[in-house]
Protein backbone atom coordinates (compact mmCIF):
# COMPACT_ATOMS: atom_id res chain seq x y z
CA MET A 1 108.65 15.19 -114.14
CA LYS A 2 108.56 16.91 -117.53
CA ILE A 3 111.16 19.69 -117.81
CA LEU A 4 111.84 22.49 -120.30
CA ILE A 5 115.26 24.20 -120.51
CA VAL A 6 115.24 27.70 -122.02
CA ASP A 7 118.69 29.19 -122.64
CA ASP A 8 120.24 30.84 -125.71
CA GLU A 9 123.66 29.33 -124.93
CA GLU A 10 124.03 25.81 -126.30
CA LEU A 11 126.83 24.89 -123.88
CA ALA A 12 124.74 26.01 -120.90
CA ARG A 13 121.79 23.91 -122.10
CA ALA A 14 124.04 20.90 -122.60
CA ARG A 15 125.56 21.23 -119.11
CA LEU A 16 122.16 21.49 -117.42
CA LEU A 17 120.88 18.56 -119.46
CA ARG A 18 123.80 16.41 -118.24
CA ILE A 19 123.04 17.38 -114.64
CA LEU A 20 119.35 16.54 -115.04
CA ASN A 21 120.16 13.21 -116.68
CA THR A 22 122.54 12.40 -113.82
CA LEU A 23 119.68 13.11 -111.42
CA GLU A 24 117.58 10.71 -113.53
CA TYR A 25 115.34 13.35 -115.10
CA ASN A 26 115.21 12.28 -118.72
CA ASP A 27 111.97 13.82 -120.03
CA VAL A 28 113.65 17.10 -120.98
CA THR A 29 113.00 19.48 -123.89
CA GLN A 30 115.26 22.35 -124.93
CA ALA A 31 114.47 25.82 -126.32
CA SER A 32 117.03 28.43 -127.38
CA ASN A 33 114.74 31.48 -127.36
CA ALA A 34 111.35 32.80 -126.27
CA ASN A 35 109.51 31.78 -129.43
CA GLU A 36 110.68 28.17 -129.14
CA ALA A 37 109.70 28.11 -125.46
CA ILE A 38 106.21 29.45 -126.16
CA GLU A 39 105.67 26.90 -128.92
CA ALA A 40 106.80 24.11 -126.59
CA ILE A 41 104.32 25.21 -123.91
CA LYS A 42 101.54 25.40 -126.50
CA GLU A 43 102.24 21.86 -127.67
CA ASP A 44 102.77 20.11 -124.35
CA THR A 45 102.42 20.41 -120.57
CA TYR A 46 105.54 20.90 -118.44
CA ASP A 47 106.02 20.62 -114.70
CA LEU A 48 109.14 22.76 -114.53
CA VAL A 49 111.02 25.32 -116.64
CA PHE A 50 114.68 26.23 -116.14
CA LEU A 51 114.68 29.74 -117.58
CA ASP A 52 117.77 31.84 -118.33
CA ILE A 53 117.25 35.53 -117.61
CA ASN A 54 119.84 37.10 -119.92
CA MET A 55 118.63 36.24 -123.40
CA PRO A 56 118.53 38.48 -126.51
CA GLN A 57 115.28 40.01 -127.81
CA THR A 58 112.97 38.74 -125.05
CA SER A 59 114.48 38.51 -121.56
CA GLY A 60 113.82 35.54 -119.32
CA LEU A 61 111.88 37.78 -116.93
CA GLU A 62 109.49 38.88 -119.68
CA LEU A 63 109.16 35.30 -120.87
CA GLY A 64 108.48 34.16 -117.31
CA TYR A 65 105.40 36.39 -117.16
CA GLU A 66 104.20 34.98 -120.50
CA LEU A 67 104.69 31.34 -119.50
CA LYS A 68 102.87 31.89 -116.20
CA TYR A 69 99.99 33.46 -118.11
CA MET A 70 99.85 30.45 -120.43
CA ASP A 71 100.03 27.93 -117.59
CA GLU A 72 99.81 29.28 -114.05
CA SER A 73 100.66 25.87 -112.56
CA ILE A 74 104.07 25.67 -114.20
CA ALA A 75 107.08 25.96 -111.87
CA ILE A 76 109.96 28.23 -112.91
CA ILE A 77 113.57 28.14 -111.76
CA PHE A 78 115.48 31.14 -113.10
CA GLN A 79 119.16 30.85 -113.90
CA THR A 80 121.60 33.70 -114.52
CA ALA A 81 125.17 34.83 -114.02
CA TYR A 82 123.93 37.78 -111.95
CA GLU A 83 122.19 38.04 -108.59
CA GLU A 84 120.47 41.41 -109.00
CA HIS A 85 117.37 39.94 -110.70
CA ALA A 86 116.43 37.65 -107.82
CA LEU A 87 113.74 39.88 -106.28
CA LYS A 88 112.04 40.42 -109.65
CA ALA A 89 112.20 36.69 -110.36
CA PHE A 90 110.37 35.80 -107.17
CA ASP A 91 107.78 38.51 -107.88
CA ILE A 92 106.94 36.58 -111.05
CA GLY A 93 106.40 33.45 -108.99
CA ALA A 94 109.71 31.65 -109.39
CA VAL A 95 110.28 28.65 -107.14
CA GLY A 96 114.05 28.85 -107.42
CA TYR A 97 116.95 31.06 -108.54
CA LEU A 98 120.29 29.61 -109.61
CA VAL A 99 123.42 31.72 -110.12
CA LYS A 100 125.81 30.31 -112.73
CA PRO A 101 127.93 28.32 -112.42
CA TYR A 102 125.76 26.16 -110.18
CA SER A 103 126.37 22.64 -108.93
CA LEU A 104 124.47 19.38 -109.30
CA GLU A 105 123.52 19.61 -105.64
CA GLN A 106 122.04 23.09 -106.11
CA VAL A 107 119.92 21.86 -109.03
CA LYS A 108 118.80 18.87 -106.97
CA GLN A 109 117.77 21.10 -104.05
CA SER A 110 115.87 23.45 -106.38
CA ILE A 111 113.89 20.56 -107.87
CA GLU A 112 113.11 19.22 -104.41
CA ARG A 113 111.75 22.66 -103.53
CA VAL A 114 109.51 22.52 -106.62
CA LYS A 115 108.13 19.15 -105.53
CA LEU A 116 107.48 20.45 -102.01
CA VAL A 117 105.64 23.52 -103.30
CA LYS A 118 103.45 21.38 -105.57
CA GLU A 119 102.61 19.07 -102.65
CA GLU A 120 101.73 22.04 -100.43
CA LYS A 121 99.39 23.44 -103.08
CA GLY A 122 97.46 20.19 -103.00
CA GLU A 123 95.08 18.90 -105.65
CA PHE A 124 94.01 20.98 -108.61
CA ARG A 125 90.66 22.78 -108.22
CA ILE A 126 88.60 25.10 -110.39
CA LEU A 127 86.83 28.01 -108.73
CA SER A 128 83.76 28.66 -110.89
CA LYS A 129 80.78 30.96 -110.39
CA THR A 130 77.04 30.32 -110.51
CA GLY A 131 74.88 33.36 -109.85
CA GLU A 132 76.30 35.02 -106.76
CA SER A 133 77.79 31.77 -105.44
CA TYR A 134 81.07 30.00 -106.13
CA LEU A 135 81.90 26.32 -106.63
CA LEU A 136 85.27 24.73 -105.92
CA LEU A 137 85.30 21.78 -108.32
CA LYS A 138 87.64 18.85 -108.64
CA PRO A 139 88.29 17.77 -112.25
CA GLU A 140 86.58 14.43 -111.61
CA GLU A 141 83.37 16.26 -110.64
CA ILE A 142 83.08 17.81 -114.11
CA TYR A 143 81.19 16.07 -116.94
CA TYR A 144 82.09 18.41 -119.77
CA ILE A 145 83.07 21.99 -120.51
CA LYS A 146 81.61 24.27 -123.17
CA ALA A 147 83.23 27.39 -124.62
CA ASP A 148 81.25 30.60 -124.15
CA LEU A 149 83.03 33.54 -125.82
CA SER A 150 86.11 34.34 -123.68
CA GLU A 151 85.07 32.05 -120.80
CA VAL A 152 83.60 28.57 -120.33
CA MET A 153 80.50 26.90 -118.93
CA ILE A 154 81.27 23.94 -116.68
CA ARG A 155 78.72 21.13 -116.35
CA SER A 156 78.85 19.21 -113.08
CA ALA A 157 76.37 17.56 -110.70
CA LYS A 158 75.79 21.05 -109.29
CA GLY A 159 74.55 22.33 -112.65
CA PHE A 160 76.24 24.90 -114.85
CA SER A 161 78.82 27.35 -113.60
CA TYR A 162 81.15 29.84 -115.29
CA TYR A 163 84.91 30.03 -115.31
CA ALA A 164 86.66 33.14 -116.70
CA GLN A 165 89.20 31.47 -118.93
CA LYS A 166 89.38 30.42 -122.58
CA ILE A 167 88.71 26.75 -123.33
CA SER A 168 92.14 26.39 -124.96
CA ASP A 169 93.84 27.45 -121.72
CA LEU A 170 91.68 25.16 -119.61
CA GLU A 171 92.33 22.28 -122.01
CA LYS A 172 96.02 22.46 -121.16
CA LYS A 173 95.37 22.45 -117.42
CA LEU A 174 93.01 19.46 -117.64
CA LYS A 175 95.10 17.38 -120.01
CA ALA A 176 96.49 15.33 -117.13
CA HIS A 177 92.97 14.70 -115.79
CA LYS A 178 91.66 12.75 -118.82
CA PHE A 179 89.84 15.59 -120.52
CA VAL A 180 89.80 15.55 -124.33
CA ARG A 181 88.88 18.28 -126.82
CA VAL A 182 86.22 16.78 -129.11
CA HIS A 183 85.11 20.05 -130.68
CA ARG A 184 86.42 23.61 -130.72
CA SER A 185 83.70 24.32 -128.15
CA TYR A 186 83.78 21.17 -126.00
CA LEU A 187 86.04 19.35 -123.57
CA VAL A 188 84.75 16.03 -122.20
CA ASN A 189 85.79 14.01 -119.17
CA ILE A 190 86.57 10.52 -120.46
CA ASP A 191 85.76 8.90 -117.12
CA GLU A 192 82.23 10.35 -117.25
CA ILE A 193 81.37 9.05 -120.74
CA LYS A 194 78.57 6.49 -120.74
CA GLU A 195 78.16 5.83 -124.47
CA MET A 196 79.44 7.06 -127.83
CA GLU A 197 77.26 6.98 -130.92
CA THR A 198 78.48 7.58 -134.47
CA ILE A 199 76.34 10.16 -136.27
CA GLU A 200 76.54 11.95 -139.64
CA GLN A 201 79.98 12.58 -141.20
CA SER A 202 81.54 10.11 -138.72
CA LYS A 203 81.03 12.54 -135.84
CA LEU A 204 80.46 11.22 -132.33
CA ARG A 205 77.61 11.91 -129.91
CA PHE A 206 78.58 11.45 -126.27
CA SER A 207 76.22 10.65 -123.41
CA PHE A 208 77.26 10.76 -119.77
CA LYS A 209 76.91 8.51 -116.74
CA ASN A 210 75.51 11.08 -114.34
CA CYS A 211 73.59 13.57 -116.48
CA SER A 212 71.16 13.39 -119.39
CA ASP A 213 73.04 15.88 -121.61
CA ASN A 214 74.58 14.97 -124.95
CA VAL A 215 77.64 16.50 -126.59
CA GLU A 216 78.40 16.19 -130.30
CA SER A 217 81.94 16.24 -131.62
CA SER A 218 83.23 17.85 -134.78
CA LYS A 219 84.46 15.59 -137.58
CA ASP A 220 88.10 16.31 -136.73
CA GLY A 221 87.37 16.00 -133.03
CA ALA A 222 85.89 12.54 -133.56
CA LYS A 223 88.95 11.44 -135.51
CA ASP A 224 91.32 12.77 -132.84
CA PHE A 225 89.26 11.09 -130.13
CA ARG A 226 89.36 7.72 -131.89
CA ASP A 227 93.11 8.07 -132.36
CA LYS A 228 93.70 8.99 -128.70
CA PHE A 229 91.17 6.84 -126.90
CA SER A 230 93.22 3.69 -126.81
CA SER A 231 95.87 5.48 -124.74
CA TYR A 232 93.44 6.06 -121.88
CA LYS A 233 92.85 3.34 -119.33
């Protein structure tokens, strides 16, 4: 589980980090303010955020809304010295609420609740639209995704469908499902690639196992793909 701690108090971050390490959660990143937290979410995907409510400039509640907008699948456990924010926290979609000073056992129980909620939600699906109908697609059913202004076109065995979200936001959600950005306008499913052909300026042209479409990368996208590809099995 990848965890982000957001708290302006260094001692509070250090204490929570010790608790998490004791519970054998070692993939932990720290942020001391809202800007650092937002940058962390932009750069990586997190399963869980421990978010302090009482922070200067941007409160944890405001930041919670922002983080949920950036990644709706992220779990949030709020932490504070006061209980009066609990109702607002759960309105945002918090999975847990810890009142300082909390114990190792309370942290453990909160994380177990996060795991249970994720299991209950089941596998990730994308609800896209084609005409007046809707498709509920698994990531593995998608060949590639193309940006189309403020939304995307999804190519699957069922043809093209639309999803009302920017490609940069969808890229983050599909990172764990072996999708790679090969162009500012394209995400491709690595498991669906049939062949790759080098074309002008060292770009790549991708063909797919189950459709006759081709997708061409940008020059930078081709370089990033070549750098990353060896990490996929």
